[in-house]
Amino acid sequence: MIIKNATLETVIGITSQIPANEKPEFAFAGKSNVGKSSLINGLMNRKNLARTSAQPGKTQTINFYNINDAFYFVDLPGYGYAKVGRETSAKWGQMVEKYLHKSTQLKAVFLLVDMRHEPSANDKQMYDWIKHNGFEPIIIMTKLDKLNKNERVKQVKVIREGLKASKETLLLPYSAISKEGREEIYNVLDSYLS
């Protein structure tokens, strides 16, 4: 997959309508500070089209990135950040749920988890919730570069068991620093697009 152009096309907030796109959409979910913006930038070959922030909980909208005028990356608000009030958090949840139900073009949902840790209660809840909405989440395990080879093998097992993911569930390690794992993610995207 070669990304020739990528633009932020639509930003929707809590009260906005879901856009009626005619091109395939791929959504990215994950808790705040898991490296979602870094992953999306890495996939788009852009430094900071998707805003990265030292302050978790920054993405409070659903952002649609038009890729090659052929499909969309959809950046969902990060979850599980304590400084965001419960009411705001609930509204984000409703916004994401509305998107999962209303999008007619959503092909796959990528769930990002930090490879260094056991999945959090929020990660497990999100995994179950994506499944409940009729999608088989594709797990992207971020921060790959922080682990050695032995730790990586061990953590794949920890994450699969922690999420109670089936053998069929794809778990893809990724490093925002070295871009290791990017080709595997492109291959998954290509399989949906072909």
N, C-alpha and C. Protein backbone atom coordinates (compact mmCIF):
# COMPACT_ATOMS: atom_id res chain seq x y z
N MET A 1 0.85 -1.19 0.00
CA MET A 1 0.00 0.00 0.00
C MET A 1 0.88 1.24 0.00
N ILE A 2 0.59 2.14 -0.92
CA ILE A 2 1.32 3.40 -0.97
C ILE A 2 0.34 4.54 -0.71
N ILE A 3 0.63 5.32 0.34
CA ILE A 3 -0.23 6.45 0.68
C ILE A 3 0.32 7.68 -0.05
N LYS A 4 -0.42 8.13 -1.05
CA LYS A 4 0.04 9.31 -1.81
C LYS A 4 -0.46 10.60 -1.18
N ASN A 5 -1.72 10.60 -0.71
CA ASN A 5 -2.19 11.80 -0.03
C ASN A 5 -3.17 11.47 1.09
N ALA A 6 -3.14 12.32 2.08
CA ALA A 6 -3.99 12.14 3.26
C ALA A 6 -4.40 13.53 3.74
N THR A 7 -5.71 13.71 3.96
CA THR A 7 -6.18 15.00 4.46
C THR A 7 -7.24 14.78 5.53
N LEU A 8 -7.25 15.68 6.49
CA LEU A 8 -8.31 15.66 7.50
C LEU A 8 -9.53 16.28 6.82
N GLU A 9 -10.55 15.47 6.59
CA GLU A 9 -11.69 15.94 5.79
C GLU A 9 -12.88 16.35 6.64
N THR A 10 -13.21 15.56 7.67
CA THR A 10 -14.40 15.84 8.47
C THR A 10 -14.09 15.65 9.95
N VAL A 11 -14.57 16.57 10.77
CA VAL A 11 -14.45 16.46 12.23
C VAL A 11 -15.85 16.55 12.79
N ILE A 12 -16.27 15.53 13.55
CA ILE A 12 -17.61 15.61 14.12
C ILE A 12 -17.55 15.55 15.65
N GLY A 13 -18.41 16.33 16.25
CA GLY A 13 -18.50 16.38 17.70
C GLY A 13 -19.73 15.66 18.20
N ILE A 14 -20.02 15.86 19.46
CA ILE A 14 -21.10 15.14 20.13
C ILE A 14 -22.46 15.32 19.44
N THR A 15 -22.71 16.53 18.94
CA THR A 15 -24.04 16.80 18.36
C THR A 15 -24.08 16.66 16.84
N SER A 16 -22.92 16.36 16.21
CA SER A 16 -22.87 16.31 14.74
C SER A 16 -23.50 15.04 14.17
N GLN A 17 -23.87 15.13 12.90
CA GLN A 17 -24.36 13.97 12.16
C GLN A 17 -23.16 13.16 11.67
N ILE A 18 -23.34 11.85 11.60
CA ILE A 18 -22.30 10.99 11.02
C ILE A 18 -22.30 11.23 9.50
N PRO A 19 -21.14 11.52 8.89
CA PRO A 19 -21.15 11.78 7.45
C PRO A 19 -21.52 10.54 6.64
N ALA A 20 -22.24 10.74 5.56
CA ALA A 20 -22.65 9.62 4.70
C ALA A 20 -21.57 9.41 3.64
N ASN A 21 -20.43 8.87 4.07
CA ASN A 21 -19.32 8.65 3.14
C ASN A 21 -19.64 7.48 2.21
N GLU A 22 -19.04 7.53 1.03
CA GLU A 22 -19.27 6.44 0.07
C GLU A 22 -18.04 5.57 -0.09
N LYS A 23 -16.99 5.88 0.67
CA LYS A 23 -15.76 5.09 0.58
C LYS A 23 -15.59 4.29 1.88
N PRO A 24 -14.87 3.17 1.82
CA PRO A 24 -14.66 2.34 3.02
C PRO A 24 -14.02 3.13 4.16
N GLU A 25 -14.40 2.76 5.38
CA GLU A 25 -13.86 3.41 6.57
C GLU A 25 -13.21 2.36 7.48
N PHE A 26 -12.10 2.75 8.09
CA PHE A 26 -11.39 1.92 9.06
C PHE A 26 -11.24 2.73 10.33
N ALA A 27 -11.82 2.26 11.42
CA ALA A 27 -11.82 3.02 12.67
C ALA A 27 -10.70 2.57 13.59
N PHE A 28 -10.18 3.52 14.37
CA PHE A 28 -9.11 3.26 15.33
C PHE A 28 -9.58 3.69 16.72
N ALA A 29 -9.59 2.73 17.63
CA ALA A 29 -10.03 3.00 19.01
C ALA A 29 -8.89 2.63 19.95
N GLY A 30 -8.87 3.29 21.09
CA GLY A 30 -7.84 2.96 22.08
C GLY A 30 -7.88 3.96 23.20
N LYS A 31 -7.30 3.57 24.33
CA LYS A 31 -7.35 4.51 25.44
C LYS A 31 -6.41 5.67 25.18
N SER A 32 -6.67 6.77 25.88
CA SER A 32 -5.83 7.96 25.75
C SER A 32 -4.39 7.56 26.01
N ASN A 33 -3.47 8.12 25.27
CA ASN A 33 -2.00 7.95 25.36
C ASN A 33 -1.50 6.55 24.99
N VAL A 34 -2.29 5.78 24.24
CA VAL A 34 -1.83 4.46 23.77
C VAL A 34 -1.01 4.60 22.49
N GLY A 35 -1.04 5.81 21.88
CA GLY A 35 -0.27 6.03 20.66
C GLY A 35 -1.10 5.98 19.39
N LYS A 36 -2.39 6.34 19.52
CA LYS A 36 -3.31 6.27 18.37
C LYS A 36 -2.93 7.28 17.28
N SER A 37 -2.70 8.53 17.69
CA SER A 37 -2.33 9.56 16.71
C SER A 37 -1.00 9.22 16.06
N SER A 38 -0.06 8.71 16.84
CA SER A 38 1.26 8.33 16.29
C SER A 38 1.10 7.20 15.26
N LEU A 39 0.24 6.24 15.56
CA LEU A 39 -0.01 5.14 14.61
C LEU A 39 -0.62 5.69 13.32
N ILE A 40 -1.66 6.51 13.46
CA ILE A 40 -2.35 7.04 12.27
C ILE A 40 -1.38 7.88 11.43
N ASN A 41 -0.58 8.72 12.09
CA ASN A 41 0.44 9.49 11.36
C ASN A 41 1.43 8.57 10.66
N GLY A 42 1.85 7.51 11.35
CA GLY A 42 2.80 6.55 10.77
C GLY A 42 2.22 5.86 9.55
N LEU A 43 0.95 5.49 9.62
CA LEU A 43 0.30 4.83 8.48
C LEU A 43 0.12 5.80 7.31
N MET A 44 -0.11 7.08 7.63
CA MET A 44 -0.33 8.08 6.59
C MET A 44 0.97 8.68 6.06
N ASN A 45 2.12 8.29 6.66
CA ASN A 45 3.40 8.89 6.32
C ASN A 45 3.41 10.40 6.55
N ARG A 46 2.79 10.83 7.62
CA ARG A 46 2.75 12.24 7.97
C ARG A 46 3.30 12.41 9.39
N LYS A 47 3.92 13.56 9.63
CA LYS A 47 4.48 13.78 10.97
C LYS A 47 3.39 14.10 11.98
N ASN A 48 2.52 15.05 11.67
CA ASN A 48 1.50 15.41 12.66
C ASN A 48 0.21 15.90 12.06
N LEU A 49 -0.31 15.13 11.12
CA LEU A 49 -1.66 15.44 10.61
C LEU A 49 -2.67 15.06 11.71
N ALA A 50 -2.50 13.87 12.27
CA ALA A 50 -3.29 13.51 13.46
C ALA A 50 -2.54 14.11 14.65
N ARG A 51 -3.26 14.88 15.45
CA ARG A 51 -2.61 15.60 16.55
C ARG A 51 -2.19 14.66 17.66
N THR A 52 -0.89 14.65 17.94
CA THR A 52 -0.40 13.92 19.11
C THR A 52 -0.31 14.93 20.24
N SER A 53 -0.47 14.46 21.44
CA SER A 53 -0.46 15.38 22.56
C SER A 53 0.13 14.72 23.79
N ALA A 54 0.85 15.52 24.57
CA ALA A 54 1.37 15.01 25.85
C ALA A 54 0.23 14.95 26.86
N GLN A 55 -0.87 15.59 26.49
CA GLN A 55 -2.03 15.65 27.38
C GLN A 55 -3.07 14.63 26.91
N PRO A 56 -3.22 13.51 27.63
CA PRO A 56 -4.19 12.50 27.20
C PRO A 56 -5.61 13.05 27.18
N GLY A 57 -6.46 12.42 26.41
CA GLY A 57 -7.86 12.84 26.35
C GLY A 57 -8.07 14.01 25.41
N LYS A 58 -7.11 14.26 24.53
CA LYS A 58 -7.15 15.43 23.65
C LYS A 58 -8.16 15.25 22.52
N THR A 59 -8.23 14.05 21.94
CA THR A 59 -9.17 13.83 20.84
C THR A 59 -10.58 13.73 21.42
N GLN A 60 -11.38 14.78 21.20
CA GLN A 60 -12.73 14.79 21.74
C GLN A 60 -13.75 14.77 20.62
N THR A 61 -13.26 14.49 19.42
CA THR A 61 -14.12 14.45 18.24
C THR A 61 -13.81 13.16 17.49
N ILE A 62 -14.65 12.85 16.50
CA ILE A 62 -14.34 11.75 15.58
C ILE A 62 -13.77 12.42 14.33
N ASN A 63 -12.55 12.05 13.98
CA ASN A 63 -11.84 12.68 12.87
C ASN A 63 -11.74 11.73 11.68
N PHE A 64 -12.17 12.21 10.52
CA PHE A 64 -12.15 11.40 9.30
C PHE A 64 -11.01 11.88 8.40
N TYR A 65 -10.04 10.99 8.15
CA TYR A 65 -8.91 11.30 7.27
C TYR A 65 -9.14 10.62 5.93
N ASN A 66 -9.18 11.42 4.87
CA ASN A 66 -9.36 10.88 3.53
C ASN A 66 -7.99 10.42 3.02
N ILE A 67 -7.89 9.13 2.71
CA ILE A 67 -6.62 8.54 2.28
C ILE A 67 -6.69 8.20 0.79
N ASN A 68 -5.80 8.80 0.01
CA ASN A 68 -5.71 8.53 -1.45
C ASN A 68 -7.04 8.73 -2.17
N ASP A 69 -7.96 9.44 -1.54
CA ASP A 69 -9.31 9.61 -2.09
C ASP A 69 -9.96 8.25 -2.35
N ALA A 70 -9.55 7.24 -1.55
CA ALA A 70 -10.04 5.86 -1.77
C ALA A 70 -10.71 5.29 -0.53
N PHE A 71 -10.29 5.74 0.66
CA PHE A 71 -10.88 5.23 1.91
C PHE A 71 -10.58 6.22 3.04
N TYR A 72 -11.14 5.93 4.21
CA TYR A 72 -10.97 6.82 5.36
C TYR A 72 -10.35 6.08 6.55
N PHE A 73 -9.48 6.79 7.27
CA PHE A 73 -9.10 6.40 8.62
C PHE A 73 -10.00 7.23 9.54
N VAL A 74 -10.63 6.58 10.50
CA VAL A 74 -11.53 7.27 11.42
C VAL A 74 -10.94 7.18 12.82
N ASP A 75 -10.53 8.32 13.35
CA ASP A 75 -9.89 8.39 14.67
C ASP A 75 -10.98 8.65 15.72
N LEU A 76 -11.22 7.65 16.56
CA LEU A 76 -12.26 7.76 17.60
C LEU A 76 -11.66 8.35 18.88
N PRO A 77 -12.45 9.05 19.70
CA PRO A 77 -11.91 9.64 20.94
C PRO A 77 -11.30 8.57 21.84
N GLY A 78 -10.19 8.92 22.46
CA GLY A 78 -9.56 8.01 23.42
C GLY A 78 -10.44 7.84 24.65
N TYR A 79 -10.32 6.69 25.28
CA TYR A 79 -11.16 6.43 26.47
C TYR A 79 -10.29 6.20 27.70
N GLY A 80 -10.94 6.19 28.85
CA GLY A 80 -10.26 5.80 30.08
C GLY A 80 -9.35 6.85 30.67
N TYR A 81 -9.57 8.13 30.31
CA TYR A 81 -8.72 9.16 30.89
C TYR A 81 -9.44 9.82 32.05
N ALA A 82 -8.85 9.72 33.24
CA ALA A 82 -9.52 10.10 34.48
C ALA A 82 -9.90 11.58 34.58
N LYS A 83 -9.11 12.48 33.97
CA LYS A 83 -9.37 13.91 34.15
C LYS A 83 -10.60 14.40 33.38
N VAL A 84 -11.10 13.54 32.50
CA VAL A 84 -12.31 13.91 31.76
C VAL A 84 -13.49 13.51 32.63
N GLY A 85 -14.43 14.43 32.83
CA GLY A 85 -15.58 14.14 33.69
C GLY A 85 -16.40 12.97 33.18
N ARG A 86 -17.13 12.35 34.08
CA ARG A 86 -17.93 11.19 33.74
C ARG A 86 -18.97 11.50 32.66
N GLU A 87 -19.54 12.70 32.76
CA GLU A 87 -20.59 13.12 31.81
C GLU A 87 -20.00 13.23 30.39
N THR A 88 -18.83 13.88 30.29
CA THR A 88 -18.16 14.03 28.99
C THR A 88 -17.81 12.66 28.44
N SER A 89 -17.28 11.81 29.30
CA SER A 89 -16.89 10.46 28.92
C SER A 89 -18.09 9.67 28.39
N ALA A 90 -19.23 9.82 29.04
CA ALA A 90 -20.45 9.13 28.62
C ALA A 90 -20.90 9.65 27.25
N LYS A 91 -20.75 10.97 27.04
CA LYS A 91 -21.13 11.56 25.74
C LYS A 91 -20.23 11.04 24.62
N TRP A 92 -18.92 10.91 24.90
CA TRP A 92 -18.00 10.35 23.91
C TRP A 92 -18.45 8.94 23.57
N GLY A 93 -18.79 8.18 24.61
CA GLY A 93 -19.23 6.79 24.42
C GLY A 93 -20.44 6.72 23.50
N GLN A 94 -21.40 7.62 23.73
CA GLN A 94 -22.61 7.65 22.90
C GLN A 94 -22.25 8.03 21.47
N MET A 95 -21.31 8.96 21.32
CA MET A 95 -20.89 9.41 20.00
C MET A 95 -20.24 8.24 19.23
N VAL A 96 -19.38 7.49 19.91
CA VAL A 96 -18.71 6.35 19.27
C VAL A 96 -19.73 5.26 18.93
N GLU A 97 -20.64 5.02 19.86
CA GLU A 97 -21.67 4.00 19.63
C GLU A 97 -22.54 4.37 18.42
N LYS A 98 -22.90 5.65 18.35
CA LYS A 98 -23.70 6.14 17.22
C LYS A 98 -22.94 5.91 15.91
N TYR A 99 -21.64 6.20 15.93
CA TYR A 99 -20.82 5.99 14.74
C TYR A 99 -20.82 4.51 14.35
N LEU A 100 -20.55 3.62 15.31
CA LEU A 100 -20.49 2.18 15.00
C LEU A 100 -21.81 1.67 14.43
N HIS A 101 -22.92 2.23 14.92
CA HIS A 101 -24.23 1.80 14.43
C HIS A 101 -24.62 2.42 13.10
N LYS A 102 -24.24 3.69 12.92
CA LYS A 102 -24.76 4.44 11.76
C LYS A 102 -23.88 4.38 10.52
N SER A 103 -22.58 4.13 10.69
CA SER A 103 -21.71 4.13 9.50
C SER A 103 -22.06 2.93 8.62
N THR A 104 -22.32 3.21 7.35
CA THR A 104 -22.63 2.12 6.42
C THR A 104 -21.36 1.63 5.72
N GLN A 105 -20.26 2.36 5.93
CA GLN A 105 -19.02 2.03 5.21
C GLN A 105 -17.93 1.47 6.11
N LEU A 106 -18.21 1.30 7.40
CA LEU A 106 -17.17 0.82 8.33
C LEU A 106 -16.83 -0.63 8.02
N LYS A 107 -15.56 -0.86 7.67
CA LYS A 107 -15.12 -2.21 7.29
C LYS A 107 -14.45 -2.95 8.44
N ALA A 108 -13.72 -2.22 9.28
CA ALA A 108 -12.97 -2.87 10.36
C ALA A 108 -12.68 -1.86 11.46
N VAL A 109 -12.56 -2.40 12.69
CA VAL A 109 -12.20 -1.57 13.84
C VAL A 109 -10.88 -2.09 14.41
N PHE A 110 -9.89 -1.20 14.45
CA PHE A 110 -8.60 -1.53 15.05
C PHE A 110 -8.63 -1.05 16.50
N LEU A 111 -8.33 -1.95 17.42
CA LEU A 111 -8.27 -1.59 18.84
C LEU A 111 -6.81 -1.57 19.26
N LEU A 112 -6.35 -0.42 19.74
CA LEU A 112 -4.95 -0.29 20.16
C LEU A 112 -4.81 -0.57 21.65
N VAL A 113 -3.83 -1.39 21.99
CA VAL A 113 -3.50 -1.63 23.40
C VAL A 113 -1.99 -1.49 23.56
N ASP A 114 -1.57 -1.07 24.74
CA ASP A 114 -0.15 -0.91 25.04
C ASP A 114 0.44 -2.30 25.26
N MET A 115 1.39 -2.68 24.42
CA MET A 115 1.95 -4.03 24.46
C MET A 115 2.68 -4.33 25.78
N ARG A 116 3.08 -3.30 26.50
CA ARG A 116 3.87 -3.52 27.72
C ARG A 116 3.03 -3.99 28.89
N HIS A 117 1.72 -3.77 28.80
CA HIS A 117 0.87 -4.03 29.97
C HIS A 117 -0.26 -5.01 29.65
N GLU A 118 -0.77 -5.58 30.71
CA GLU A 118 -1.97 -6.39 30.58
C GLU A 118 -3.12 -5.47 30.16
N PRO A 119 -4.07 -5.94 29.34
CA PRO A 119 -5.19 -5.06 28.95
C PRO A 119 -5.92 -4.54 30.19
N SER A 120 -6.26 -3.25 30.16
CA SER A 120 -6.98 -2.64 31.28
C SER A 120 -8.45 -3.03 31.23
N ALA A 121 -9.17 -2.71 32.28
CA ALA A 121 -10.62 -2.96 32.32
C ALA A 121 -11.29 -2.24 31.15
N ASN A 122 -10.83 -1.02 30.86
CA ASN A 122 -11.38 -0.25 29.73
C ASN A 122 -11.10 -0.92 28.40
N ASP A 123 -9.88 -1.48 28.25
CA ASP A 123 -9.54 -2.19 27.01
C ASP A 123 -10.47 -3.39 26.80
N LYS A 124 -10.68 -4.14 27.89
CA LYS A 124 -11.54 -5.33 27.81
C LYS A 124 -12.97 -4.94 27.47
N GLN A 125 -13.42 -3.88 28.09
CA GLN A 125 -14.78 -3.39 27.86
C GLN A 125 -14.94 -2.96 26.40
N MET A 126 -13.93 -2.25 25.88
CA MET A 126 -13.97 -1.78 24.49
C MET A 126 -13.95 -2.97 23.53
N TYR A 127 -13.11 -3.95 23.81
CA TYR A 127 -13.04 -5.15 22.97
C TYR A 127 -14.41 -5.82 22.90
N ASP A 128 -15.02 -6.02 24.07
CA ASP A 128 -16.34 -6.67 24.13
C ASP A 128 -17.40 -5.83 23.42
N TRP A 129 -17.29 -4.54 23.57
CA TRP A 129 -18.26 -3.61 23.01
C TRP A 129 -18.19 -3.60 21.48
N ILE A 130 -16.96 -3.62 20.94
CA ILE A 130 -16.78 -3.67 19.48
C ILE A 130 -17.39 -4.97 18.95
N LYS A 131 -17.14 -6.07 19.66
CA LYS A 131 -17.71 -7.37 19.25
C LYS A 131 -19.24 -7.32 19.31
N HIS A 132 -19.75 -6.72 20.38
CA HIS A 132 -21.20 -6.59 20.58
C HIS A 132 -21.84 -5.81 19.42
N ASN A 133 -21.06 -4.88 18.85
CA ASN A 133 -21.55 -4.07 17.72
C ASN A 133 -21.35 -4.76 16.37
N GLY A 134 -20.93 -6.02 16.41
CA GLY A 134 -20.87 -6.82 15.18
C GLY A 134 -19.54 -6.82 14.45
N PHE A 135 -18.49 -6.34 15.09
CA PHE A 135 -17.17 -6.31 14.44
C PHE A 135 -16.20 -7.22 15.18
N GLU A 136 -15.26 -7.80 14.47
CA GLU A 136 -14.17 -8.56 15.08
C GLU A 136 -12.98 -7.61 15.19
N PRO A 137 -12.68 -7.11 16.39
CA PRO A 137 -11.60 -6.12 16.50
C PRO A 137 -10.26 -6.69 16.04
N ILE A 138 -9.48 -5.85 15.38
CA ILE A 138 -8.10 -6.20 15.03
C ILE A 138 -7.24 -5.47 16.06
N ILE A 139 -6.46 -6.23 16.81
CA ILE A 139 -5.69 -5.64 17.91
C ILE A 139 -4.33 -5.16 17.41
N ILE A 140 -4.05 -3.87 17.63
CA ILE A 140 -2.71 -3.35 17.35
C ILE A 140 -2.04 -3.09 18.70
N MET A 141 -0.93 -3.80 18.91
CA MET A 141 -0.19 -3.68 20.17
C MET A 141 0.92 -2.65 19.97
N THR A 142 0.75 -1.47 20.58
CA THR A 142 1.71 -0.37 20.39
C THR A 142 2.89 -0.48 21.36
N LYS A 143 3.87 0.40 21.16
CA LYS A 143 5.07 0.50 22.01
C LYS A 143 5.94 -0.76 21.91
N LEU A 144 5.91 -1.40 20.76
CA LEU A 144 6.69 -2.62 20.50
C LEU A 144 8.17 -2.43 20.79
N ASP A 145 8.70 -1.24 20.46
CA ASP A 145 10.14 -0.98 20.61
C ASP A 145 10.61 -0.99 22.06
N LYS A 146 9.65 -0.93 23.00
CA LYS A 146 10.03 -0.89 24.42
C LYS A 146 10.29 -2.30 24.99
N LEU A 147 10.07 -3.33 24.17
CA LEU A 147 10.21 -4.71 24.66
C LEU A 147 11.28 -5.47 23.88
N ASN A 148 11.95 -6.42 24.57
CA ASN A 148 12.89 -7.28 23.85
C ASN A 148 12.13 -8.47 23.26
N LYS A 149 12.82 -9.31 22.50
CA LYS A 149 12.15 -10.40 21.78
C LYS A 149 11.37 -11.35 22.70
N ASN A 150 11.97 -11.73 23.82
CA ASN A 150 11.30 -12.65 24.75
C ASN A 150 10.06 -12.04 25.36
N GLU A 151 10.18 -10.76 25.74
CA GLU A 151 9.03 -10.06 26.34
C GLU A 151 7.89 -9.94 25.34
N ARG A 152 8.24 -9.71 24.08
CA ARG A 152 7.21 -9.58 23.03
C ARG A 152 6.37 -10.84 22.94
N VAL A 153 7.02 -11.98 22.87
CA VAL A 153 6.31 -13.27 22.76
C VAL A 153 5.39 -13.46 23.96
N LYS A 154 5.92 -13.17 25.14
CA LYS A 154 5.14 -13.33 26.37
C LYS A 154 3.93 -12.40 26.37
N GLN A 155 4.15 -11.14 25.96
CA GLN A 155 3.07 -10.15 26.02
C GLN A 155 1.93 -10.42 25.02
N VAL A 156 2.25 -11.02 23.88
CA VAL A 156 1.20 -11.36 22.92
C VAL A 156 0.21 -12.32 23.61
N LYS A 157 0.76 -13.28 24.33
CA LYS A 157 -0.07 -14.26 25.06
C LYS A 157 -0.88 -13.56 26.16
N VAL A 158 -0.21 -12.67 26.90
CA VAL A 158 -0.87 -11.94 28.00
C VAL A 158 -2.05 -11.12 27.45
N ILE A 159 -1.84 -10.47 26.31
CA ILE A 159 -2.89 -9.62 25.74
C ILE A 159 -4.03 -10.46 25.19
N ARG A 160 -3.70 -11.55 24.49
CA ARG A 160 -4.75 -12.42 23.95
C ARG A 160 -5.62 -12.98 25.09
N GLU A 161 -4.95 -13.45 26.13
CA GLU A 161 -5.70 -14.02 27.27
C GLU A 161 -6.45 -12.94 28.03
N GLY A 162 -5.82 -11.78 28.20
CA GLY A 162 -6.44 -10.67 28.94
C GLY A 162 -7.73 -10.19 28.29
N LEU A 163 -7.75 -10.19 26.95
CA LEU A 163 -8.95 -9.75 26.23
C LEU A 163 -9.93 -10.90 26.00
N LYS A 164 -9.49 -12.11 26.34
CA LYS A 164 -10.26 -13.33 26.02
C LYS A 164 -10.53 -13.38 24.50
N ALA A 165 -9.49 -13.03 23.74
CA ALA A 165 -9.61 -13.00 22.29
C ALA A 165 -9.48 -14.41 21.72
N SER A 166 -10.24 -14.68 20.69
CA SER A 166 -10.20 -16.00 20.07
C SER A 166 -8.89 -16.17 19.29
N LYS A 167 -8.62 -17.41 18.89
CA LYS A 167 -7.41 -17.69 18.10
C LYS A 167 -7.44 -16.95 16.77
N GLU A 168 -8.65 -16.68 16.27
CA GLU A 168 -8.80 -16.00 14.97
C GLU A 168 -8.50 -14.50 15.05
N THR A 169 -8.58 -13.94 16.26
CA THR A 169 -8.36 -12.49 16.40
C THR A 169 -6.93 -12.15 16.03
N LEU A 170 -6.78 -11.18 15.13
CA LEU A 170 -5.44 -10.73 14.71
C LEU A 170 -4.84 -9.84 15.78
N LEU A 171 -3.58 -10.13 16.17
CA LEU A 171 -2.82 -9.27 17.08
C LEU A 171 -1.57 -8.83 16.33
N LEU A 172 -1.47 -7.52 16.08
CA LEU A 172 -0.37 -6.98 15.29
C LEU A 172 0.49 -6.04 16.12
N PRO A 173 1.77 -6.37 16.35
CA PRO A 173 2.64 -5.47 17.09
C PRO A 173 3.06 -4.29 16.21
N TYR A 174 3.24 -3.11 16.82
CA TYR A 174 3.61 -1.93 16.05
C TYR A 174 4.50 -1.00 16.88
N SER A 175 5.49 -0.42 16.20
CA SER A 175 6.33 0.60 16.83
C SER A 175 6.22 1.90 16.07
N ALA A 176 5.82 2.96 16.75
CA ALA A 176 5.72 4.29 16.13
C ALA A 176 7.11 4.83 15.81
N ILE A 177 8.12 4.34 16.51
CA ILE A 177 9.48 4.85 16.32
C ILE A 177 10.13 4.21 15.09
N SER A 178 10.14 2.87 15.03
CA SER A 178 10.80 2.18 13.91
C SER A 178 9.85 1.87 12.75
N LYS A 179 8.55 2.04 12.98
CA LYS A 179 7.49 1.69 12.01
C LYS A 179 7.41 0.17 11.79
N GLU A 180 8.04 -0.60 12.66
CA GLU A 180 7.94 -2.07 12.57
C GLU A 180 6.47 -2.45 12.76
N GLY A 181 5.99 -3.32 11.87
CA GLY A 181 4.59 -3.74 11.95
C GLY A 181 3.69 -3.00 10.98
N ARG A 182 4.20 -1.91 10.38
CA ARG A 182 3.35 -1.10 9.50
C ARG A 182 2.91 -1.89 8.26
N GLU A 183 3.83 -2.65 7.66
CA GLU A 183 3.48 -3.43 6.45
C GLU A 183 2.37 -4.44 6.75
N GLU A 184 2.42 -5.05 7.93
CA GLU A 184 1.39 -6.04 8.30
C GLU A 184 0.02 -5.36 8.40
N ILE A 185 0.01 -4.13 8.92
CA ILE A 185 -1.26 -3.39 9.02
C ILE A 185 -1.75 -3.03 7.61
N TYR A 186 -0.82 -2.58 6.76
CA TYR A 186 -1.19 -2.30 5.36
C TYR A 186 -1.78 -3.54 4.69
N ASN A 187 -1.18 -4.70 4.95
CA ASN A 187 -1.70 -5.94 4.33
C ASN A 187 -3.13 -6.22 4.76
N VAL A 188 -3.42 -5.95 6.04
CA VAL A 188 -4.80 -6.15 6.53
C VAL A 188 -5.74 -5.17 5.83
N LEU A 189 -5.33 -3.92 5.73
CA LEU A 189 -6.15 -2.91 5.03
C LEU A 189 -6.39 -3.33 3.58
N ASP A 190 -5.31 -3.77 2.92
CA ASP A 190 -5.43 -4.23 1.52
C ASP A 190 -6.42 -5.38 1.38
N SER A 191 -6.41 -6.28 2.36
CA SER A 191 -7.31 -7.43 2.27
C SER A 191 -8.78 -7.00 2.32
N TYR A 192 -9.07 -5.92 3.04
CA TYR A 192 -10.44 -5.40 3.08
C TYR A 192 -10.79 -4.61 1.82
N LEU A 193 -9.78 -3.99 1.22
CA LEU A 193 -10.01 -3.11 0.07
C LEU A 193 -10.07 -3.88 -1.25
N SER A 194 -9.42 -5.06 -1.28
CA SER A 194 -9.37 -5.78 -2.58
C SER A 194 -10.64 -6.56 -2.83
